[in-house]
Amino acid sequence: MNHKFYDVKAKKAVTTAITEGKIYGDKDNPRYAVCGKTKDGRSLTCFISKADFEAFKKDGVKFAKAAKK
């Protein structure tokens, strides 16, 4: 499944495949994100709404709790 990401280094929007999904924050205030990779291997992250999260989850994207640093 593809999604549109903003590539900061290239300063443009790119469309690439979703590699994984992550959930950031507390149970009271979760933030949902999908991750992808550029052609040269750099990571891309795009925060999404809860509605998009539910749609991606139905389509088979696996979401995991992000590790705290």
PDB file of N, CA and C in Angstrom:
ATOM      1  N   MET A   1       0.840  -1.159   0.000  1.00  0.00           N
ATOM      2  CA  MET A   1       0.000   0.000   0.000  1.00  0.00           C
ATOM      3  C   MET A   1       0.899   1.241   0.000  1.00  0.00           C
ATOM      4  N   ASN A   2       0.548   2.214  -0.808  1.00  0.00           N
ATOM      5  CA  ASN A   2       1.320   3.448  -0.930  1.00  0.00           C
ATOM      6  C   ASN A   2       0.667   4.587  -0.161  1.00  0.00           C
ATOM      7  N   HIS A   3       1.504   5.551   0.233  1.00  0.00           N
ATOM      8  CA  HIS A   3       1.027   6.737   0.926  1.00  0.00           C
ATOM      9  C   HIS A   3       1.925   7.903   0.542  1.00  0.00           C
ATOM     10  N   LYS A   4       1.390   9.106   0.637  1.00  0.00           N
ATOM     11  CA  LYS A   4       2.153  10.310   0.312  1.00  0.00           C
ATOM     12  C   LYS A   4       2.891  10.804   1.554  1.00  0.00           C
ATOM     13  N   PHE A   5       4.201  11.003   1.431  1.00  0.00           N
ATOM     14  CA  PHE A   5       5.061  11.500   2.499  1.00  0.00           C
ATOM     15  C   PHE A   5       5.721  12.787   2.027  1.00  0.00           C
ATOM     16  N   TYR A   6       6.197  13.602   2.975  1.00  0.00           N
ATOM     17  CA  TYR A   6       6.978  14.777   2.626  1.00  0.00           C
ATOM     18  C   TYR A   6       8.440  14.468   2.898  1.00  0.00           C
ATOM     19  N   ASP A   7       9.260  14.539   1.870  1.00  0.00           N
ATOM     20  CA  ASP A   7      10.692  14.292   1.981  1.00  0.00           C
ATOM     21  C   ASP A   7      11.381  15.621   2.296  1.00  0.00           C
ATOM     22  N   VAL A   8      11.865  15.766   3.526  1.00  0.00           N
ATOM     23  CA  VAL A   8      12.458  17.024   3.975  1.00  0.00           C
ATOM     24  C   VAL A   8      13.742  17.337   3.216  1.00  0.00           C
ATOM     25  N   LYS A   9      14.564  16.330   2.975  1.00  0.00           N
ATOM     26  CA  LYS A   9      15.830  16.556   2.287  1.00  0.00           C
ATOM     27  C   LYS A   9      15.603  16.996   0.842  1.00  0.00           C
ATOM     28  N   ALA A  10      14.679  16.363   0.143  1.00  0.00           N
ATOM     29  CA  ALA A  10      14.389  16.717  -1.250  1.00  0.00           C
ATOM     30  C   ALA A  10      13.431  17.900  -1.356  1.00  0.00           C
ATOM     31  N   LYS A  11      12.787  18.257  -0.235  1.00  0.00           N
ATOM     32  CA  LYS A  11      11.831  19.366  -0.170  1.00  0.00           C
ATOM     33  C   LYS A  11      10.677  19.194  -1.151  1.00  0.00           C
ATOM     34  N   LYS A  12      10.124  17.973  -1.181  1.00  0.00           N
ATOM     35  CA  LYS A  12       8.968  17.712  -2.036  1.00  0.00           C
ATOM     36  C   LYS A  12       8.192  16.507  -1.511  1.00  0.00           C
ATOM     37  N   ALA A  13       6.975  16.379  -1.971  1.00  0.00           N
ATOM     38  CA  ALA A  13       6.140  15.244  -1.589  1.00  0.00           C
ATOM     39  C   ALA A  13       6.503  14.051  -2.467  1.00  0.00           C
ATOM     40  N   VAL A  14       6.574  12.881  -1.853  1.00  0.00           N
ATOM     41  CA  VAL A  14       6.860  11.646  -2.579  1.00  0.00           C
ATOM     42  C   VAL A  14       5.828  10.594  -2.169  1.00  0.00           C
ATOM     43  N   THR A  15       5.550   9.686  -3.065  1.00  0.00           N
ATOM     44  CA  THR A  15       4.653   8.576  -2.770  1.00  0.00           C
ATOM     45  C   THR A  15       5.482   7.309  -2.740  1.00  0.00           C
ATOM     46  N   THR A  16       5.375   6.573  -1.634  1.00  0.00           N
ATOM     47  CA  THR A  16       6.140   5.349  -1.471  1.00  0.00           C
ATOM     48  C   THR A  16       5.339   4.352  -0.648  1.00  0.00           C
ATOM     49  N   ALA A  17       5.798   3.119  -0.603  1.00  0.00           N
ATOM     50  CA  ALA A  17       5.096   2.063   0.119  1.00  0.00           C
ATOM     51  C   ALA A  17       5.241   2.241   1.630  1.00  0.00           C
ATOM     52  N   ILE A  18       4.197   1.890   2.347  1.00  0.00           N
ATOM     53  CA  ILE A  18       4.225   1.925   3.813  1.00  0.00           C
ATOM     54  C   ILE A  18       4.961   0.687   4.305  1.00  0.00           C
ATOM     55  N   THR A  19       5.950   0.897   5.167  1.00  0.00           N
ATOM     56  CA  THR A  19       6.694  -0.234   5.715  1.00  0.00           C
ATOM     57  C   THR A  19       6.142  -0.684   7.055  1.00  0.00           C
ATOM     58  N   GLU A  20       5.624   0.262   7.853  1.00  0.00           N
ATOM     59  CA  GLU A  20       5.069  -0.070   9.165  1.00  0.00           C
ATOM     60  C   GLU A  20       4.245   1.091   9.691  1.00  0.00           C
ATOM     61  N   GLY A  21       3.539   0.834  10.764  1.00  0.00           N
ATOM     62  CA  GLY A  21       2.788   1.874  11.449  1.00  0.00           C
ATOM     63  C   GLY A  21       3.223   1.936  12.898  1.00  0.00           C
ATOM     64  N   LYS A  22       3.147   3.115  13.498  1.00  0.00           N
ATOM     65  CA  LYS A  22       3.550   3.289  14.891  1.00  0.00           C
ATOM     66  C   LYS A  22       2.508   4.116  15.629  1.00  0.00           C
ATOM     67  N   ILE A  23       2.410   3.856  16.929  1.00  0.00           N
ATOM     68  CA  ILE A  23       1.534   4.634  17.796  1.00  0.00           C
ATOM     69  C   ILE A  23       2.413   5.301  18.841  1.00  0.00           C
ATOM     70  N   TYR A  24       2.380   6.628  18.880  1.00  0.00           N
ATOM     71  CA  TYR A  24       3.172   7.404  19.829  1.00  0.00           C
ATOM     72  C   TYR A  24       2.262   7.949  20.919  1.00  0.00           C
ATOM     73  N   GLY A  25       2.835   8.318  22.057  1.00  0.00           N
ATOM     74  CA  GLY A  25       2.099   9.001  23.103  1.00  0.00           C
ATOM     75  C   GLY A  25       1.471   8.072  24.119  1.00  0.00           C
ATOM     76  N   ASP A  26       0.641   8.664  24.980  1.00  0.00           N
ATOM     77  CA  ASP A  26      -0.027   7.942  26.051  1.00  0.00           C
ATOM     78  C   ASP A  26      -1.346   7.357  25.565  1.00  0.00           C
ATOM     79  N   LYS A  27      -1.960   6.537  26.420  1.00  0.00           N
ATOM     80  CA  LYS A  27      -3.272   5.979  26.093  1.00  0.00           C
ATOM     81  C   LYS A  27      -4.321   7.079  25.973  1.00  0.00           C
ATOM     82  N   ASP A  28      -4.160   8.150  26.760  1.00  0.00           N
ATOM     83  CA  ASP A  28      -5.117   9.248  26.742  1.00  0.00           C
ATOM     84  C   ASP A  28      -5.004  10.117  25.495  1.00  0.00           C
ATOM     85  N   ASN A  29      -3.802  10.168  24.916  1.00  0.00           N
ATOM     86  CA  ASN A  29      -3.567  11.039  23.763  1.00  0.00           C
ATOM     87  C   ASN A  29      -2.640  10.349  22.757  1.00  0.00           C
ATOM     88  N   PRO A  30      -3.139   9.314  22.071  1.00  0.00           N
ATOM     89  CA  PRO A  30      -2.269   8.631  21.110  1.00  0.00           C
ATOM     90  C   PRO A  30      -2.104   9.434  19.826  1.00  0.00           C
ATOM     91  N   ARG A  31      -0.940   9.265  19.178  1.00  0.00           N
ATOM     92  CA  ARG A  31      -0.676   9.855  17.864  1.00  0.00           C
ATOM     93  C   ARG A  31      -0.292   8.712  16.949  1.00  0.00           C
ATOM     94  N   TYR A  32      -0.886   8.681  15.783  1.00  0.00           N
ATOM     95  CA  TYR A  32      -0.694   7.590  14.844  1.00  0.00           C
ATOM     96  C   TYR A  32       0.194   8.050  13.697  1.00  0.00           C
ATOM     97  N   ALA A  33       1.092   7.161  13.248  1.00  0.00           N
ATOM     98  CA  ALA A  33       2.002   7.500  12.155  1.00  0.00           C
ATOM     99  C   ALA A  33       2.240   6.277  11.286  1.00  0.00           C
ATOM    100  N   VAL A  34       2.536   6.533  10.021  1.00  0.00           N
ATOM    101  CA  VAL A  34       2.968   5.482   9.113  1.00  0.00           C
ATOM    102  C   VAL A  34       4.383   5.827   8.661  1.00  0.00           C
ATOM    103  N   CYS A  35       5.167   4.792   8.408  1.00  0.00           N
ATOM    104  CA  CYS A  35       6.563   4.973   8.020  1.00  0.00           C
ATOM    105  C   CYS A  35       6.808   4.363   6.649  1.00  0.00           C
ATOM    106  N   GLY A  36       7.758   4.930   5.930  1.00  0.00           N
ATOM    107  CA  GLY A  36       8.152   4.436   4.621  1.00  0.00           C
ATOM    108  C   GLY A  36       9.638   4.684   4.412  1.00  0.00           C
ATOM    109  N   LYS A  37      10.137   4.312   3.252  1.00  0.00           N
ATOM    110  CA  LYS A  37      11.553   4.496   2.909  1.00  0.00           C
ATOM    111  C   LYS A  37      11.661   5.143   1.535  1.00  0.00           C
ATOM    112  N   THR A  38      12.658   6.019   1.361  1.00  0.00           N
ATOM    113  CA  THR A  38      12.940   6.593   0.054  1.00  0.00           C
ATOM    114  C   THR A  38      13.728   5.574  -0.759  1.00  0.00           C
ATOM    115  N   LYS A  39      13.937   5.881  -2.028  1.00  0.00           N
ATOM    116  CA  LYS A  39      14.699   4.963  -2.891  1.00  0.00           C
ATOM    117  C   LYS A  39      16.133   4.797  -2.418  1.00  0.00           C
ATOM    118  N   ASP A  40      16.692   5.851  -1.768  1.00  0.00           N
ATOM    119  CA  ASP A  40      18.066   5.748  -1.272  1.00  0.00           C
ATOM    120  C   ASP A  40      18.139   5.296   0.184  1.00  0.00           C
ATOM    121  N   GLY A  41      17.011   4.844   0.772  1.00  0.00           N
ATOM    122  CA  GLY A  41      17.028   4.204   2.081  1.00  0.00           C
ATOM    123  C   GLY A  41      16.742   5.082   3.283  1.00  0.00           C
ATOM    124  N   ARG A  42      16.452   6.366   3.072  1.00  0.00           N
ATOM    125  CA  ARG A  42      16.132   7.233   4.199  1.00  0.00           C
ATOM    126  C   ARG A  42      14.722   6.969   4.698  1.00  0.00           C
ATOM    127  N   SER A  43      14.512   7.122   6.002  1.00  0.00           N
ATOM    128  CA  SER A  43      13.203   6.894   6.610  1.00  0.00           C
ATOM    129  C   SER A  43      12.304   8.109   6.453  1.00  0.00           C
ATOM    130  N   LEU A  44      11.028   7.836   6.244  1.00  0.00           N
ATOM    131  CA  LEU A  44      10.009   8.877   6.151  1.00  0.00           C
ATOM    132  C   LEU A  44       8.905   8.559   7.141  1.00  0.00           C
ATOM    133  N   THR A  45       8.360   9.578   7.792  1.00  0.00           N
ATOM    134  CA  THR A  45       7.263   9.402   8.738  1.00  0.00           C
ATOM    135  C   THR A  45       6.180  10.414   8.422  1.00  0.00           C
ATOM    136  N   CYS A  46       4.934   9.966   8.495  1.00  0.00           N
ATOM    137  CA  CYS A  46       3.787  10.840   8.266  1.00  0.00           C
ATOM    138  C   CYS A  46       2.759  10.562   9.353  1.00  0.00           C
ATOM    139  N   PHE A  47       2.403  11.593  10.128  1.00  0.00           N
ATOM    140  CA  PHE A  47       1.372  11.438  11.149  1.00  0.00           C
ATOM    141  C   PHE A  47       0.007  11.472  10.474  1.00  0.00           C
ATOM    142  N   ILE A  48      -0.892  10.609  10.946  1.00  0.00           N
ATOM    143  CA  ILE A  48      -2.196  10.454  10.324  1.00  0.00           C
ATOM    144  C   ILE A  48      -3.305  10.600  11.367  1.00  0.00           C
ATOM    145  N   SER A  49      -4.523  10.751  10.899  1.00  0.00           N
ATOM    146  CA  SER A  49      -5.676  10.874  11.794  1.00  0.00           C
ATOM    147  C   SER A  49      -6.132   9.496  12.270  1.00  0.00           C
ATOM    148  N   LYS A  50      -7.012   9.486  13.254  1.00  0.00           N
ATOM    149  CA  LYS A  50      -7.538   8.228  13.766  1.00  0.00           C
ATOM    150  C   LYS A  50      -8.362   7.518  12.685  1.00  0.00           C
ATOM    151  N   ALA A  51      -9.080   8.269  11.867  1.00  0.00           N
ATOM    152  CA  ALA A  51      -9.865   7.683  10.784  1.00  0.00           C
ATOM    153  C   ALA A  51      -8.956   6.985   9.770  1.00  0.00           C
ATOM    154  N   ASP A  52      -7.845   7.641   9.421  1.00  0.00           N
ATOM    155  CA  ASP A  52      -6.874   7.013   8.519  1.00  0.00           C
ATOM    156  C   ASP A  52      -6.243   5.790   9.173  1.00  0.00           C
ATOM    157  N   PHE A  53      -5.965   5.883  10.474  1.00  0.00           N
ATOM    158  CA  PHE A  53      -5.415   4.754  11.227  1.00  0.00           C
ATOM    159  C   PHE A  53      -6.342   3.543  11.110  1.00  0.00           C
ATOM    160  N   GLU A  54      -7.635   3.756  11.315  1.00  0.00           N
ATOM    161  CA  GLU A  54      -8.604   2.656  11.219  1.00  0.00           C
ATOM    162  C   GLU A  54      -8.636   2.076   9.803  1.00  0.00           C
ATOM    163  N   ALA A  55      -8.572   2.940   8.789  1.00  0.00           N
ATOM    164  CA  ALA A  55      -8.595   2.476   7.398  1.00  0.00           C
ATOM    165  C   ALA A  55      -7.336   1.660   7.069  1.00  0.00           C
ATOM    166  N   PHE A  56      -6.163   2.141   7.498  1.00  0.00           N
ATOM    167  CA  PHE A  56      -4.918   1.412   7.244  1.00  0.00           C
ATOM    168  C   PHE A  56      -4.907   0.087   7.991  1.00  0.00           C
ATOM    169  N   LYS A  57      -5.449   0.081   9.191  1.00  0.00           N
ATOM    170  CA  LYS A  57      -5.502  -1.144   9.990  1.00  0.00           C
ATOM    171  C   LYS A  57      -6.367  -2.193   9.286  1.00  0.00           C
ATOM    172  N   LYS A  58      -7.488  -1.773   8.698  1.00  0.00           N
ATOM    173  CA  LYS A  58      -8.352  -2.684   7.938  1.00  0.00           C
ATOM    174  C   LYS A  58      -7.638  -3.243   6.720  1.00  0.00           C
ATOM    175  N   ASP A  59      -6.762  -2.419   6.110  1.00  0.00           N
ATOM    176  CA  ASP A  59      -6.033  -2.839   4.917  1.00  0.00           C
ATOM    177  C   ASP A  59      -4.819  -3.705   5.225  1.00  0.00           C
ATOM    178  N   GLY A  60      -4.550  -3.959   6.511  1.00  0.00           N
ATOM    179  CA  GLY A  60      -3.488  -4.883   6.874  1.00  0.00           C
ATOM    180  C   GLY A  60      -2.184  -4.273   7.344  1.00  0.00           C
ATOM    181  N   VAL A  61      -2.112  -2.969   7.525  1.00  0.00           N
ATOM    182  CA  VAL A  61      -0.892  -2.346   8.056  1.00  0.00           C
ATOM    183  C   VAL A  61      -0.811  -2.655   9.550  1.00  0.00           C
ATOM    184  N   LYS A  62       0.321  -3.193   9.983  1.00  0.00           N
ATOM    185  CA  LYS A  62       0.525  -3.534  11.398  1.00  0.00           C
ATOM    186  C   LYS A  62       1.024  -2.312  12.154  1.00  0.00           C
ATOM    187  N   PHE A  63       0.353  -1.983  13.250  1.00  0.00           N
ATOM    188  CA  PHE A  63       0.749  -0.859  14.093  1.00  0.00           C
ATOM    189  C   PHE A  63       1.302  -1.385  15.400  1.00  0.00           C
ATOM    190  N   ALA A  64       2.432  -0.821  15.820  1.00  0.00           N
ATOM    191  CA  ALA A  64       3.066  -1.202  17.090  1.00  0.00           C
ATOM    192  C   ALA A  64       3.326   0.060  17.895  1.00  0.00           C
ATOM    193  N   LYS A  65       3.374  -0.101  19.197  1.00  0.00           N
ATOM    194  CA  LYS A  65       3.686   1.004  20.096  1.00  0.00           C
ATOM    195  C   LYS A  65       5.152   1.383  19.879  1.00  0.00           C
ATOM    196  N   ALA A  66       5.423   2.656  19.662  1.00  0.00           N
ATOM    197  CA  ALA A  66       6.788   3.131  19.446  1.00  0.00           C
ATOM    198  C   ALA A  66       7.566   3.081  20.751  1.00  0.00           C
ATOM    199  N   ALA A  67       8.827   2.700  20.662  1.00  0.00           N
ATOM    200  CA  ALA A  67       9.691   2.642  21.843  1.00  0.00           C
ATOM    201  C   ALA A  67      10.016   4.044  22.322  1.00  0.00           C
ATOM    202  N   LYS A  68      10.031   4.233  23.632  1.00  0.00           N
ATOM    203  CA  LYS A  68      10.391   5.532  24.207  1.00  0.00           C
ATOM    204  C   LYS A  68      11.898   5.649  24.276  1.00  0.00           C
ATOM    205  N   LYS A  69      12.388   6.851  24.027  1.00  0.00           N
ATOM    206  CA  LYS A  69      13.837   7.078  24.077  1.00  0.00           C
ATOM    207  C   LYS A  69      14.249   7.582  25.421  1.00  0.00           C
TER     208      LYS A  69
END
